[in-house]
C-alpha cells in the first residue's frame, strides 16, 4: 500500500509541476476556420469560428468582440481569443456585408389597351429591395391617346446602394 501511495504522490507532483510550466508561443495557435465572410445584406451569416491548439491538442477559444450587423452594408469584425496558461492569443475575422442585388418591381394592375381618344392613367409600380431601404423610381415615356400605336413606359428602380433594374409597361392605343 505504501508503494501505491508513493506512485500517487509522484503523479500528483508531476501534474502540478507540468501545470506550472510556461508555454512557448510557438506551441499555441489560433486560426480562422474557412467560411463565407462576404454576405448579401439581410441574408443569413454563419460564423465559421476559429480553432485553437496547444501542443497540437484542441483548446477552447471564445468570441470577445462581434459587431456584425447583417441588416446594414459595411465592414464588421469578430475577434476570437484563446487563453492557455500564461499566454493569450487573438485573431480577427473581417465580415463584409454588401448589397449587389438590384431592386425588383411589379407593375400595378392597369388597363393598358385603350381606344384612341380614351383616357389612360399610369397605375405605376410596386418596388421592393433586399436592403429594405427606399427604392427610387424614375418614370420615362409618354402615351399619346390621340394616336394609334404601341407605347412603352419605362420604370428605372434604384436602391440605396446604387443597384438598378428596369421594368417596362406596354400601352396599346387602338382604333
C-alpha atoms as a PDB file:
ATOM      1  CA  UNK A   1       0.000   0.000   0.000  1.00  0.00           C
ATOM      2  CA  UNK A   2       2.922   2.267   0.715  1.00  0.00           C
ATOM      3  CA  UNK A   3       4.094   1.809  -2.863  1.00  0.00           C
ATOM      4  CA  UNK A   4       0.668   2.867  -4.274  1.00  0.00           C
ATOM      5  CA  UNK A   5       0.725   5.974  -2.093  1.00  0.00           C
ATOM      6  CA  UNK A   6       4.219   6.910  -3.383  1.00  0.00           C
ATOM      7  CA  UNK A   7       3.171   6.448  -7.027  1.00  0.00           C
ATOM      8  CA  UNK A   8       0.024   8.503  -6.467  1.00  0.00           C
ATOM      9  CA  UNK A   9       2.052  11.300  -4.868  1.00  0.00           C
ATOM     10  CA  UNK A  10       4.550  11.244  -7.758  1.00  0.00           C
ATOM     11  CA  UNK A  11       1.736  11.535 -10.301  1.00  0.00           C
ATOM     12  CA  UNK A  12       0.163  14.450  -8.386  1.00  0.00           C
ATOM     13  CA  UNK A  13       3.530  16.270  -8.146  1.00  0.00           C
ATOM     14  CA  UNK A  14       4.237  15.663 -11.863  1.00  0.00           C
ATOM     15  CA  UNK A  15       0.832  17.037 -12.869  1.00  0.00           C
ATOM     16  CA  UNK A  16       1.295  20.030 -10.564  1.00  0.00           C
ATOM     17  CA  UNK A  17       4.763  20.802 -11.942  1.00  0.00           C
ATOM     18  CA  UNK A  18       3.584  20.382 -15.530  1.00  0.00           C
ATOM     19  CA  UNK A  19       0.817  22.911 -14.854  1.00  0.00           C
ATOM     20  CA  UNK A  20       3.362  25.460 -13.627  1.00  0.00           C
ATOM     21  CA  UNK A  21       5.421  25.415 -16.817  1.00  0.00           C
ATOM     22  CA  UNK A  22       5.170  28.322 -19.212  1.00  0.00           C
ATOM     23  CA  UNK A  23       4.118  27.649 -22.767  1.00  0.00           C
ATOM     24  CA  UNK A  24       6.216  28.602 -25.737  1.00  0.00           C
ATOM     25  CA  UNK A  25       4.217  30.944 -28.068  1.00  0.00           C
ATOM     26  CA  UNK A  26       5.020  28.596 -30.968  1.00  0.00           C
ATOM     27  CA  UNK A  27       3.128  25.806 -29.187  1.00  0.00           C
ATOM     28  CA  UNK A  28      -0.157  27.777 -29.080  1.00  0.00           C
ATOM     29  CA  UNK A  29      -2.056  28.546 -32.288  1.00  0.00           C
ATOM     30  CA  UNK A  30      -5.374  30.075 -33.253  1.00  0.00           C
ATOM     31  CA  UNK A  31      -6.572  30.070 -36.869  1.00  0.00           C
ATOM     32  CA  UNK A  32      -9.790  31.084 -38.596  1.00  0.00           C
ATOM     33  CA  UNK A  33     -11.936  28.242 -39.863  1.00  0.00           C
ATOM     34  CA  UNK A  34     -12.766  28.570 -43.573  1.00  0.00           C
ATOM     35  CA  UNK A  35     -16.072  30.340 -44.093  1.00  0.00           C
ATOM     36  CA  UNK A  36     -18.014  32.843 -46.149  1.00  0.00           C
ATOM     37  CA  UNK A  37     -17.009  36.308 -44.980  1.00  0.00           C
ATOM     38  CA  UNK A  38     -18.786  38.378 -47.631  1.00  0.00           C
ATOM     39  CA  UNK A  39     -22.576  38.189 -47.448  1.00  0.00           C
ATOM     40  CA  UNK A  40     -25.522  39.961 -49.010  1.00  0.00           C
ATOM     41  CA  UNK A  41     -27.422  42.378 -46.750  1.00  0.00           C
ATOM     42  CA  UNK A  42     -30.384  40.825 -44.892  1.00  0.00           C
ATOM     43  CA  UNK A  43     -29.281  37.250 -45.562  1.00  0.00           C
ATOM     44  CA  UNK A  44     -28.089  34.662 -43.075  1.00  0.00           C
ATOM     45  CA  UNK A  45     -24.493  34.865 -41.869  1.00  0.00           C
ATOM     46  CA  UNK A  46     -22.972  31.794 -40.240  1.00  0.00           C
ATOM     47  CA  UNK A  47     -19.809  32.415 -38.255  1.00  0.00           C
ATOM     48  CA  UNK A  48     -17.313  29.667 -39.100  1.00  0.00           C
ATOM     49  CA  UNK A  49     -15.394  30.327 -35.870  1.00  0.00           C
ATOM     50  CA  UNK A  50     -11.749  29.663 -35.120  1.00  0.00           C
ATOM     51  CA  UNK A  51      -9.704  26.671 -33.976  1.00  0.00           C
ATOM     52  CA  UNK A  52      -7.136  26.869 -31.193  1.00  0.00           C
ATOM     53  CA  UNK A  53      -4.478  24.325 -30.316  1.00  0.00           C
ATOM     54  CA  UNK A  54      -1.876  23.976 -27.604  1.00  0.00           C
ATOM     55  CA  UNK A  55       0.799  21.365 -28.277  1.00  0.00           C
ATOM     56  CA  UNK A  56      -1.406  20.072 -31.147  1.00  0.00           C
ATOM     57  CA  UNK A  57      -4.338  19.487 -28.762  1.00  0.00           C
ATOM     58  CA  UNK A  58      -7.544  21.417 -29.322  1.00  0.00           C
ATOM     59  CA  UNK A  59      -8.283  24.062 -26.669  1.00  0.00           C
ATOM     60  CA  UNK A  60     -11.312  26.289 -26.325  1.00  0.00           C
ATOM     61  CA  UNK A  61     -11.423  29.868 -27.542  1.00  0.00           C
ATOM     62  CA  UNK A  62     -14.148  32.450 -27.202  1.00  0.00           C
ATOM     63  CA  UNK A  63     -15.567  35.361 -29.133  1.00  0.00           C
ATOM     64  CA  UNK A  64     -14.626  38.542 -27.287  1.00  0.00           C
ATOM     65  CA  UNK A  65     -15.949  41.010 -29.878  1.00  0.00           C
ATOM     66  CA  UNK A  66     -18.615  40.755 -32.591  1.00  0.00           C
ATOM     67  CA  UNK A  67     -20.209  43.809 -34.214  1.00  0.00           C
ATOM     68  CA  UNK A  68     -21.655  42.065 -37.301  1.00  0.00           C
ATOM     69  CA  UNK A  69     -24.922  43.730 -38.359  1.00  0.00           C
ATOM     70  CA  UNK A  70     -26.397  41.803 -41.270  1.00  0.00           C
ATOM     71  CA  UNK A  71     -29.070  44.498 -41.767  1.00  0.00           C
ATOM     72  CA  UNK A  72     -26.595  47.217 -42.783  1.00  0.00           C
ATOM     73  CA  UNK A  73     -23.976  47.353 -45.514  1.00  0.00           C
ATOM     74  CA  UNK A  74     -20.492  47.690 -44.035  1.00  0.00           C
ATOM     75  CA  UNK A  75     -17.318  46.045 -42.743  1.00  0.00           C
ATOM     76  CA  UNK A  76     -17.531  44.259 -39.403  1.00  0.00           C
ATOM     77  CA  UNK A  77     -15.230  42.302 -37.083  1.00  0.00           C
ATOM     78  CA  UNK A  78     -15.337  39.172 -34.946  1.00  0.00           C
ATOM     79  CA  UNK A  79     -12.413  38.697 -32.556  1.00  0.00           C
ATOM     80  CA  UNK A  80     -11.624  35.302 -31.068  1.00  0.00           C
ATOM     81  CA  UNK A  81      -9.342  34.808 -28.067  1.00  0.00           C
ATOM     82  CA  UNK A  82      -7.593  31.789 -26.606  1.00  0.00           C
ATOM     83  CA  UNK A  83      -6.048  31.882 -23.142  1.00  0.00           C
ATOM     84  CA  UNK A  84      -3.813  28.959 -22.209  1.00  0.00           C
ATOM     85  CA  UNK A  85      -1.704  29.038 -19.082  1.00  0.00           C
ATOM     86  CA  UNK A  86       0.258  32.301 -19.219  1.00  0.00           C
ATOM     87  CA  UNK A  87      -0.319  33.064 -22.901  1.00  0.00           C
ATOM     88  CA  UNK A  88      -3.171  34.890 -24.656  1.00  0.00           C
ATOM     89  CA  UNK A  89      -3.668  34.997 -28.436  1.00  0.00           C
ATOM     90  CA  UNK A  90      -6.306  36.707 -30.571  1.00  0.00           C
ATOM     91  CA  UNK A  91      -7.357  36.595 -34.211  1.00  0.00           C
ATOM     92  CA  UNK A  92      -9.950  38.697 -36.049  1.00  0.00           C
ATOM     93  CA  UNK A  93     -12.334  37.743 -38.841  1.00  0.00           C
ATOM     94  CA  UNK A  94     -13.437  40.578 -41.149  1.00  0.00           C
ATOM     95  CA  UNK A  95     -17.016  40.252 -42.411  1.00  0.00           C
ATOM     96  CA  UNK A  96     -18.228  42.359 -45.341  1.00  0.00           C
ATOM     97  CA  UNK A  97     -21.961  42.922 -45.679  1.00  0.00           C
ATOM     98  CA  UNK A  98     -22.657  44.038 -49.248  1.00  0.00           C
ATOM     99  CA  UNK A  99     -25.648  44.907 -51.408  1.00  0.00           C
ATOM    100  CA  UNK A 100     -25.279  43.789 -55.007  1.00  0.00           C
ATOM    101  CA  UNK A 101     -28.889  42.750 -55.573  1.00  0.00           C
ATOM    102  CA  UNK A 102     -30.934  45.179 -57.654  1.00  0.00           C
ATOM    103  CA  UNK A 103     -34.450  46.112 -56.571  1.00  0.00           C
ATOM    104  CA  UNK A 104     -37.436  44.342 -58.077  1.00  0.00           C
ATOM    105  CA  UNK A 105     -40.633  45.833 -59.392  1.00  0.00           C
ATOM    106  CA  UNK A 106     -44.113  44.568 -60.070  1.00  0.00           C
ATOM    107  CA  UNK A 107     -46.433  46.536 -62.297  1.00  0.00           C
ATOM    108  CA  UNK A 108     -49.637  47.554 -60.570  1.00  0.00           C
ATOM    109  CA  UNK A 109     -52.708  46.338 -62.478  1.00  0.00           C
ATOM    110  CA  UNK A 110     -53.892  48.755 -65.108  1.00  0.00           C
ATOM    111  CA  UNK A 111     -55.910  48.836 -68.306  1.00  0.00           C
ATOM    112  CA  UNK A 112     -53.133  49.085 -70.861  1.00  0.00           C
ATOM    113  CA  UNK A 113     -55.177  48.709 -74.035  1.00  0.00           C
ATOM    114  CA  UNK A 114     -57.405  51.689 -74.777  1.00  0.00           C
ATOM    115  CA  UNK A 115     -59.260  53.196 -77.742  1.00  0.00           C
ATOM    116  CA  UNK A 116     -57.987  56.316 -79.497  1.00  0.00           C
ATOM    117  CA  UNK A 117     -59.165  59.381 -77.563  1.00  0.00           C
ATOM    118  CA  UNK A 118     -59.778  57.489 -74.300  1.00  0.00           C
ATOM    119  CA  UNK A 119     -58.047  58.446 -71.071  1.00  0.00           C
ATOM    120  CA  UNK A 120     -55.133  56.348 -69.817  1.00  0.00           C
ATOM    121  CA  UNK A 121     -53.803  56.566 -66.243  1.00  0.00           C
ATOM    122  CA  UNK A 122     -50.474  55.076 -65.199  1.00  0.00           C
ATOM    123  CA  UNK A 123     -51.008  52.715 -62.245  1.00  0.00           C
ATOM    124  CA  UNK A 124     -47.243  52.861 -61.504  1.00  0.00           C
ATOM    125  CA  UNK A 125     -45.159  50.091 -59.991  1.00  0.00           C
ATOM    126  CA  UNK A 126     -44.583  48.422 -56.643  1.00  0.00           C
ATOM    127  CA  UNK A 127     -40.826  48.376 -55.913  1.00  0.00           C
ATOM    128  CA  UNK A 128     -39.027  46.357 -53.223  1.00  0.00           C
ATOM    129  CA  UNK A 129     -35.403  45.750 -52.299  1.00  0.00           C
ATOM    130  CA  UNK A 130     -33.473  43.251 -50.180  1.00  0.00           C
ATOM    131  CA  UNK A 131     -31.921  46.136 -48.212  1.00  0.00           C
ATOM    132  CA  UNK A 132     -35.413  47.134 -47.080  1.00  0.00           C
ATOM    133  CA  UNK A 133     -34.395  50.707 -47.948  1.00  0.00           C
ATOM    134  CA  UNK A 134     -36.331  53.195 -50.017  1.00  0.00           C
ATOM    135  CA  UNK A 135     -36.302  52.480 -53.740  1.00  0.00           C
ATOM    136  CA  UNK A 136     -36.347  55.495 -56.036  1.00  0.00           C
ATOM    137  CA  UNK A 137     -38.400  55.176 -59.215  1.00  0.00           C
ATOM    138  CA  UNK A 138     -37.759  57.254 -62.322  1.00  0.00           C
ATOM    139  CA  UNK A 139     -40.519  57.037 -64.943  1.00  0.00           C
ATOM    140  CA  UNK A 140     -39.947  57.850 -68.615  1.00  0.00           C
ATOM    141  CA  UNK A 141     -42.097  57.586 -71.708  1.00  0.00           C
ATOM    142  CA  UNK A 142     -45.457  59.020 -72.709  1.00  0.00           C
ATOM    143  CA  UNK A 143     -48.695  57.779 -74.179  1.00  0.00           C
ATOM    144  CA  UNK A 144     -50.434  59.846 -76.839  1.00  0.00           C
ATOM    145  CA  UNK A 145     -54.019  58.651 -76.576  1.00  0.00           C
ATOM    146  CA  UNK A 146     -54.927  60.510 -79.785  1.00  0.00           C
ATOM    147  CA  UNK A 147     -52.614  58.436 -81.987  1.00  0.00           C
ATOM    148  CA  UNK A 148     -52.908  54.699 -82.516  1.00  0.00           C
ATOM    149  CA  UNK A 149     -49.769  52.773 -81.588  1.00  0.00           C
ATOM    150  CA  UNK A 150     -47.678  50.896 -79.058  1.00  0.00           C
ATOM    151  CA  UNK A 151     -46.119  52.954 -76.277  1.00  0.00           C
ATOM    152  CA  UNK A 152     -43.536  51.965 -73.661  1.00  0.00           C
ATOM    153  CA  UNK A 153     -43.392  53.395 -70.159  1.00  0.00           C
ATOM    154  CA  UNK A 154     -40.047  52.628 -68.509  1.00  0.00           C
ATOM    155  CA  UNK A 155     -39.510  52.489 -64.746  1.00  0.00           C
ATOM    156  CA  UNK A 156     -35.885  52.646 -63.552  1.00  0.00           C
ATOM    157  CA  UNK A 157     -35.604  51.416 -59.969  1.00  0.00           C
ATOM    158  CA  UNK A 158     -32.593  52.278 -57.810  1.00  0.00           C
ATOM    159  CA  UNK A 159     -31.843  51.089 -54.266  1.00  0.00           C
ATOM    160  CA  UNK A 160     -29.761  52.962 -51.638  1.00  0.00           C
ATOM    161  CA  UNK A 161     -26.592  51.114 -52.780  1.00  0.00           C
ATOM    162  CA  UNK A 162     -26.992  52.282 -56.381  1.00  0.00           C
ATOM    163  CA  UNK A 163     -28.165  48.930 -57.796  1.00  0.00           C
ATOM    164  CA  UNK A 164     -30.617  49.449 -60.642  1.00  0.00           C
ATOM    165  CA  UNK A 165     -33.209  47.483 -62.547  1.00  0.00           C
ATOM    166  CA  UNK A 166     -35.673  48.371 -65.293  1.00  0.00           C
ATOM    167  CA  UNK A 167     -39.292  47.366 -65.781  1.00  0.00           C
ATOM    168  CA  UNK A 168     -41.366  48.248 -68.837  1.00  0.00           C
ATOM    169  CA  UNK A 169     -45.105  48.670 -69.299  1.00  0.00           C
ATOM    170  CA  UNK A 170     -46.577  48.387 -72.796  1.00  0.00           C
ATOM    171  CA  UNK A 171     -49.607  50.510 -73.561  1.00  0.00           C
ATOM    172  CA  UNK A 172     -51.635  49.932 -76.727  1.00  0.00           C
ATOM    173  CA  UNK A 173     -53.811  52.616 -78.263  1.00  0.00           C
ATOM    174  CA  UNK A 174     -56.178  51.034 -80.811  1.00  0.00           C
ATOM    175  CA  UNK A 175     -58.926  52.192 -83.213  1.00  0.00           C
END
